[in-house]
Amino acid sequence: MKTCAIAFLTLFAVSAHAQETPKKKNEYKVVSFTYSSYAKPQFSDLYQSTLLQAPDLYNDLERNMGITLQYSQMNFLKNYGIEYGIGMELMKIGTRFNFKLPTYPDETRVRLNDSRHDVVNVTIPLHYVHRIELGKGFTLFPKIGVDAKVLITNPDVGTGIYTDSLNSLHYNVGFETTQHYSNGPFQNVFLNGTIGAALTWSLKKGGAFGLQVSFSTQLIRNTLLTRINNITYKKDGEVVFDSNRFGADYYYQDENGNLLYQPPGKISDFLAENKMTNFSIGLSYVFGK
C-alpha cells in the first residue's frame, strides 16, 4: 500500500508540473504591415539614351517607397523554424528627373514633376527563423532567407501622361522589366536576399505584438525600369523640342539617282533602373498554437 501511495503521489506531482509549465508554440501565424524605403533610381547601363545630358539628373531624386500587407506562417522544431507566406505591396516610384533637352536655338533645362507612379507586387517570403526567448513575454526571431516579388502591374510603356504647366512639358511615363538585355519568362519576378529580425511581446489575452526590421538586397539583375518617352516641350506657344521628331528632315539621292525623303529622327527613350534593394520596418500581430 505504501508503494502504491508513493507511485500515485509521484504521478500527481508530474501531472501538476506539466499543467503549470505552458507548452511552447510551434506554429505561429503572422499578419504584418511594413514600410520599405528603396534605393534611389539610377542610370540604366542596359541602354543608352541621348536624353541623359544633365549632370544633376539624379541629384534631387526622392527614394522609392513601398507599403506591404503580408500574411506568413512560422513552423518550429524546437527553436529552429521556417517562415513562408504571401503578401501584397504597393510600390510608389518617383518620376522627378532633371533634363537638359537639346532644344534649338537654345538648350533648356526642365524638370519632370515629382508625381509618384504606383506599381503593385505580390510578395513571397521564404526565411529560416530562430527562436530566442528573452523572458518576461519577449521573444526574438532572427531570420535570413529570400523574398520574391512578382510584378502584377502591366509593365507597358505609356501608362500615364503628365503635364508640367510651368514649362509646358508633356510626356509619357511607364514601366517595363528586363533580364540582361532581353525579356524572358520570369521578366516580372525579382529575387532579394533578406536578413532581419522580429521582436514580439506576448499579450495577456493571447497573441503577441511584434516589431520587425529587415534589409533586403537584389540578387539577380532583372530590373524594373522607368521609361519616359514622347516628350514635347513648348516655349512661347511653339514646340521647341519633340523627342519623336528630332533633327531636320531632308531629301537625298540613292546610288541609283532616285530622290528619297528622310523624315526627322526619334530620340531613344529615357530609362532609369529602380533597384529592389530596401530597408523595411513594420508592425505585426502574432498568434498560433
Protein backbone atom coordinates (compact mmCIF):
# COMPACT_ATOMS: atom_id res chain seq x y z
CA MET A 1 0.00 0.00 0.00
CA LYS A 2 2.80 2.36 0.88
CA THR A 3 4.43 1.70 -2.52
CA CYS A 4 1.15 2.46 -4.35
CA ALA A 5 0.74 5.71 -2.43
CA ILE A 6 4.25 6.85 -3.34
CA ALA A 7 3.65 5.99 -7.02
CA PHE A 8 0.34 7.89 -7.02
CA LEU A 9 1.88 10.99 -5.43
CA THR A 10 4.73 10.91 -7.95
CA LEU A 11 2.33 10.78 -10.94
CA PHE A 12 0.21 13.56 -9.41
CA ALA A 13 3.27 15.80 -8.96
CA VAL A 14 4.41 15.22 -12.57
CA SER A 15 0.92 15.97 -13.87
CA ALA A 16 0.68 19.18 -11.83
CA HIS A 17 4.09 20.30 -13.03
CA ALA A 18 3.08 19.66 -16.65
CA GLN A 19 -0.03 21.82 -16.20
CA GLU A 20 1.98 24.63 -14.65
CA THR A 21 4.57 24.62 -17.47
CA PRO A 22 2.96 26.03 -20.64
CA LYS A 23 3.62 24.21 -23.88
CA LYS A 24 5.73 26.11 -26.39
CA LYS A 25 4.05 27.29 -29.54
CA ASN A 26 5.41 25.52 -32.59
CA GLU A 27 3.21 27.17 -35.19
CA TYR A 28 2.87 30.94 -35.45
CA LYS A 29 0.65 32.89 -37.79
CA VAL A 30 1.76 36.46 -38.53
CA VAL A 31 -0.10 39.39 -40.05
CA SER A 32 2.28 42.29 -40.73
CA PHE A 33 2.18 45.81 -42.12
CA THR A 34 5.54 47.06 -43.41
CA TYR A 35 7.01 50.28 -44.81
CA SER A 36 10.03 49.99 -47.14
CA SER A 37 12.49 52.63 -48.27
CA TYR A 38 14.08 51.63 -51.58
CA ALA A 39 17.34 52.63 -53.20
CA LYS A 40 17.17 55.71 -55.43
CA PRO A 41 16.67 55.18 -59.17
CA GLN A 42 19.91 55.24 -61.12
CA PHE A 43 21.21 55.40 -64.67
CA SER A 44 20.43 52.28 -66.67
CA ASP A 45 23.54 50.90 -68.35
CA LEU A 46 21.39 48.41 -70.23
CA TYR A 47 20.61 51.01 -72.89
CA GLN A 48 21.96 54.38 -73.94
CA SER A 49 19.79 57.47 -74.19
CA THR A 50 20.56 60.77 -75.87
CA LEU A 51 18.40 62.46 -73.24
CA LEU A 52 20.94 61.88 -70.46
CA GLN A 53 22.57 65.28 -70.71
CA ALA A 54 22.06 66.78 -67.26
CA PRO A 55 24.92 66.27 -64.75
CA ASP A 56 22.50 66.60 -61.82
CA LEU A 57 19.92 64.27 -63.34
CA TYR A 58 19.51 62.15 -60.20
CA ASN A 59 20.70 64.56 -57.51
CA ASP A 60 17.30 65.63 -56.22
CA LEU A 61 15.51 62.32 -56.57
CA GLU A 62 13.45 61.00 -53.69
CA ARG A 63 13.76 57.36 -52.75
CA ASN A 64 11.10 54.96 -53.95
CA MET A 65 8.89 53.58 -51.20
CA GLY A 66 6.61 50.61 -50.63
CA ILE A 67 3.79 49.60 -48.31
CA THR A 68 3.19 45.87 -47.77
CA LEU A 69 0.40 43.89 -46.11
CA GLN A 70 1.53 40.29 -45.61
CA TYR A 71 0.39 37.02 -44.05
CA SER A 72 3.01 34.42 -43.13
CA GLN A 73 3.42 31.30 -41.03
CA MET A 74 6.38 30.17 -38.89
CA ASN A 75 6.73 26.46 -38.10
CA PHE A 76 9.27 25.33 -35.49
CA LEU A 77 11.03 22.14 -34.49
CA LYS A 78 12.33 23.08 -31.06
CA ASN A 79 13.79 26.56 -31.69
CA TYR A 80 14.56 26.10 -35.38
CA GLY A 81 11.91 27.15 -37.86
CA ILE A 82 10.92 28.21 -41.34
CA GLU A 83 8.73 31.13 -42.41
CA TYR A 84 6.68 31.33 -45.61
CA GLY A 85 3.68 33.32 -46.76
CA ILE A 86 2.23 35.77 -49.26
CA GLY A 87 1.56 39.50 -49.35
CA MET A 88 0.66 42.49 -51.47
CA GLU A 89 2.89 45.53 -51.92
CA LEU A 90 2.03 48.95 -53.29
CA MET A 91 5.31 50.41 -54.55
CA LYS A 92 5.40 54.15 -55.25
CA ILE A 93 8.08 55.25 -57.71
CA GLY A 94 9.18 58.87 -58.16
CA THR A 95 9.23 60.33 -61.67
CA ARG A 96 11.09 63.57 -60.94
CA PHE A 97 14.21 63.98 -63.07
CA ASN A 98 16.22 66.93 -64.32
CA PHE A 99 16.76 67.07 -68.08
CA LYS A 100 18.84 69.29 -70.28
CA LEU A 101 16.96 68.93 -73.54
CA PRO A 102 18.85 69.52 -76.81
CA THR A 103 16.48 72.25 -77.97
CA TYR A 104 17.11 74.73 -80.77
CA PRO A 105 18.15 77.55 -80.84
CA ASP A 106 18.99 77.27 -77.14
CA GLU A 107 19.23 74.48 -74.58
CA THR A 108 16.52 74.39 -71.93
CA ARG A 109 16.80 72.72 -68.55
CA VAL A 110 13.49 71.29 -67.38
CA ARG A 111 12.34 69.12 -64.52
CA LEU A 112 9.77 66.38 -64.77
CA ASN A 113 7.25 66.83 -61.97
CA ASP A 114 7.52 64.93 -58.73
CA SER A 115 4.45 62.75 -59.17
CA ARG A 116 4.80 59.19 -57.96
CA HIS A 117 3.64 56.31 -60.11
CA ASP A 118 2.21 53.19 -58.47
CA VAL A 119 3.08 49.59 -59.24
CA VAL A 120 1.78 46.51 -57.43
CA ASN A 121 3.83 43.46 -56.41
CA VAL A 122 2.90 40.11 -54.90
CA THR A 123 5.49 39.26 -52.21
CA ILE A 124 6.50 35.68 -51.36
CA PRO A 125 8.87 35.30 -48.34
CA LEU A 126 10.87 32.16 -47.51
CA HIS A 127 13.09 32.51 -44.42
CA TYR A 128 14.97 30.43 -41.89
CA VAL A 129 13.93 31.63 -38.41
CA HIS A 130 15.47 31.04 -34.99
CA ARG A 131 13.53 31.47 -31.74
CA ILE A 132 15.21 33.11 -28.75
CA GLU A 133 13.10 33.54 -25.61
CA LEU A 134 14.24 36.62 -23.70
CA GLY A 135 11.90 36.30 -20.75
CA LYS A 136 9.04 38.46 -19.43
CA GLY A 137 7.00 37.68 -22.54
CA PHE A 138 9.58 38.87 -25.07
CA THR A 139 10.75 36.62 -27.91
CA LEU A 140 13.30 37.43 -30.60
CA PHE A 141 13.06 35.87 -34.07
CA PRO A 142 16.22 36.47 -36.16
CA LYS A 143 15.68 35.43 -39.78
CA ILE A 144 17.54 35.07 -43.07
CA GLY A 145 16.29 33.97 -46.47
CA VAL A 146 14.89 35.19 -49.77
CA ASP A 147 11.93 37.31 -50.83
CA ALA A 148 10.38 37.06 -54.28
CA LYS A 149 8.46 40.00 -55.69
CA VAL A 150 6.17 39.37 -58.67
CA LEU A 151 5.12 42.47 -60.60
CA ILE A 152 1.42 42.25 -61.45
CA THR A 153 1.08 45.77 -62.86
CA ASN A 154 1.10 45.59 -66.64
CA PRO A 155 4.61 46.87 -67.49
CA ASP A 156 3.62 48.51 -70.76
CA VAL A 157 5.18 51.78 -71.82
CA GLY A 158 2.99 54.86 -71.70
CA THR A 159 0.76 54.06 -68.74
CA GLY A 160 0.36 57.71 -67.78
CA ILE A 161 0.60 61.22 -69.18
CA TYR A 162 1.76 64.09 -67.01
CA THR A 163 1.93 67.82 -67.64
CA ASP A 164 4.14 70.40 -66.01
CA SER A 165 2.24 73.59 -66.84
CA LEU A 166 5.14 75.85 -65.83
CA ASN A 167 7.36 74.50 -68.59
CA SER A 168 4.51 73.33 -70.86
CA LEU A 169 6.11 69.91 -70.78
CA HIS A 170 4.23 66.80 -71.91
CA TYR A 171 5.50 63.24 -71.66
CA ASN A 172 4.50 59.60 -71.19
CA VAL A 173 5.83 57.52 -68.33
CA GLY A 174 5.59 53.78 -67.89
CA PHE A 175 7.47 50.76 -66.64
CA GLU A 176 8.98 47.63 -68.09
CA THR A 177 11.27 44.88 -66.87
CA THR A 178 14.35 43.33 -68.37
CA GLN A 179 16.64 40.35 -67.90
CA HIS A 180 20.09 41.33 -69.13
CA TYR A 181 19.08 42.96 -72.43
CA SER A 182 16.12 40.68 -73.16
CA ASN A 183 12.78 39.82 -71.59
CA GLY A 184 12.19 36.23 -70.51
CA PRO A 185 9.58 34.00 -68.82
CA PHE A 186 10.49 35.42 -65.39
CA GLN A 187 10.73 39.04 -66.52
CA ASN A 188 8.29 40.18 -63.82
CA VAL A 189 9.99 38.28 -60.96
CA PHE A 190 12.53 39.95 -58.66
CA LEU A 191 14.52 37.93 -56.11
CA ASN A 192 16.05 39.50 -53.00
CA GLY A 193 18.27 38.15 -50.24
CA THR A 194 16.90 39.24 -46.85
CA ILE A 195 18.22 39.41 -43.30
CA GLY A 196 16.24 40.75 -40.38
CA ALA A 197 14.59 40.13 -37.02
CA ALA A 198 11.27 40.41 -35.25
CA LEU A 199 10.81 41.18 -31.55
CA THR A 200 7.45 40.13 -30.09
CA TRP A 201 5.78 40.79 -26.77
CA SER A 202 3.12 38.35 -25.56
CA LEU A 203 -0.26 39.80 -24.61
CA LYS A 204 -2.22 38.67 -21.54
CA LYS A 205 -5.29 37.72 -23.58
CA GLY A 206 -3.27 35.68 -26.07
CA GLY A 207 -1.35 36.53 -29.19
CA ALA A 208 1.67 38.80 -29.40
CA PHE A 209 2.52 42.24 -30.71
CA GLY A 210 5.68 42.50 -32.83
CA LEU A 211 8.16 45.00 -34.24
CA GLN A 212 10.22 43.85 -37.23
CA VAL A 213 13.10 45.24 -39.28
CA SER A 214 14.93 43.84 -42.28
CA PHE A 215 17.41 44.68 -45.02
CA SER A 216 16.92 43.22 -48.46
CA THR A 217 19.22 43.38 -51.50
CA GLN A 218 18.56 42.39 -55.09
CA LEU A 219 20.16 39.08 -56.12
CA ILE A 220 19.50 38.90 -59.86
CA ARG A 221 19.88 41.62 -62.45
CA ASN A 222 16.28 41.63 -63.60
CA THR A 223 15.31 45.27 -63.14
CA LEU A 224 12.18 47.39 -63.04
CA LEU A 225 12.82 50.26 -65.46
CA THR A 226 11.15 53.65 -65.61
CA ARG A 227 10.66 54.58 -69.26
CA ILE A 228 9.87 58.14 -70.33
CA ASN A 229 9.18 58.96 -73.96
CA ASN A 230 7.04 61.07 -76.30
CA ILE A 231 8.45 64.24 -74.75
CA THR A 232 7.38 67.60 -76.15
CA TYR A 233 8.41 70.98 -74.80
CA LYS A 234 6.68 74.22 -75.71
CA LYS A 235 8.19 77.66 -75.34
CA ASP A 236 6.17 80.79 -76.07
CA GLY A 237 3.46 78.59 -77.53
CA GLU A 238 5.76 76.83 -80.00
CA VAL A 239 7.15 73.32 -79.84
CA VAL A 240 10.91 73.69 -79.48
CA PHE A 241 11.60 70.03 -78.69
CA ASP A 242 9.89 66.82 -79.78
CA SER A 243 11.59 63.53 -78.95
CA ASN A 244 9.79 61.85 -81.87
CA ARG A 245 10.85 64.46 -84.43
CA PHE A 246 14.40 65.44 -83.58
CA GLY A 247 16.61 66.92 -86.29
CA ALA A 248 15.67 68.21 -89.71
CA ASP A 249 14.00 66.22 -92.46
CA TYR A 250 15.66 66.24 -95.87
CA TYR A 251 15.74 64.72 -99.33
CA TYR A 252 18.66 62.74 -100.70
CA GLN A 253 19.56 60.67 -103.74
CA ASP A 254 20.34 56.99 -103.51
CA GLU A 255 23.00 55.21 -105.56
CA ASN A 256 20.58 54.90 -108.48
CA GLY A 257 19.81 58.61 -108.52
CA ASN A 258 16.34 58.24 -107.01
CA LEU A 259 15.19 61.10 -104.79
CA LEU A 260 14.29 59.81 -101.32
CA TYR A 261 12.84 61.51 -98.25
CA GLN A 262 14.44 61.21 -94.81
CA PRO A 263 11.93 62.07 -92.02
CA PRO A 264 13.00 63.56 -88.69
CA GLY A 265 14.67 61.05 -86.38
CA LYS A 266 13.43 59.79 -82.99
CA ILE A 267 15.49 60.20 -79.84
CA SER A 268 15.95 57.00 -77.86
CA ASP A 269 13.71 56.75 -74.78
CA PHE A 270 14.93 57.63 -71.31
CA LEU A 271 15.35 54.65 -68.97
CA ALA A 272 16.18 54.55 -65.25
CA GLU A 273 16.72 51.47 -63.07
CA ASN A 274 14.60 51.01 -59.94
CA LYS A 275 16.58 48.68 -57.68
CA MET A 276 14.60 46.46 -55.33
CA THR A 277 17.21 46.86 -52.55
CA ASN A 278 15.42 48.25 -49.49
CA PHE A 279 15.29 48.76 -45.74
CA SER A 280 11.98 47.81 -44.12
CA ILE A 281 10.35 48.38 -40.75
CA GLY A 282 6.92 47.28 -39.67
CA LEU A 283 4.43 46.06 -37.10
CA SER A 284 2.93 42.61 -36.77
CA TYR A 285 0.39 40.62 -34.81
CA VAL A 286 1.38 37.03 -33.98
CA PHE A 287 -0.92 34.20 -32.93
CA GLY A 288 -0.85 30.44 -33.13
CA LYS A 289 -0.61 27.28 -31.11
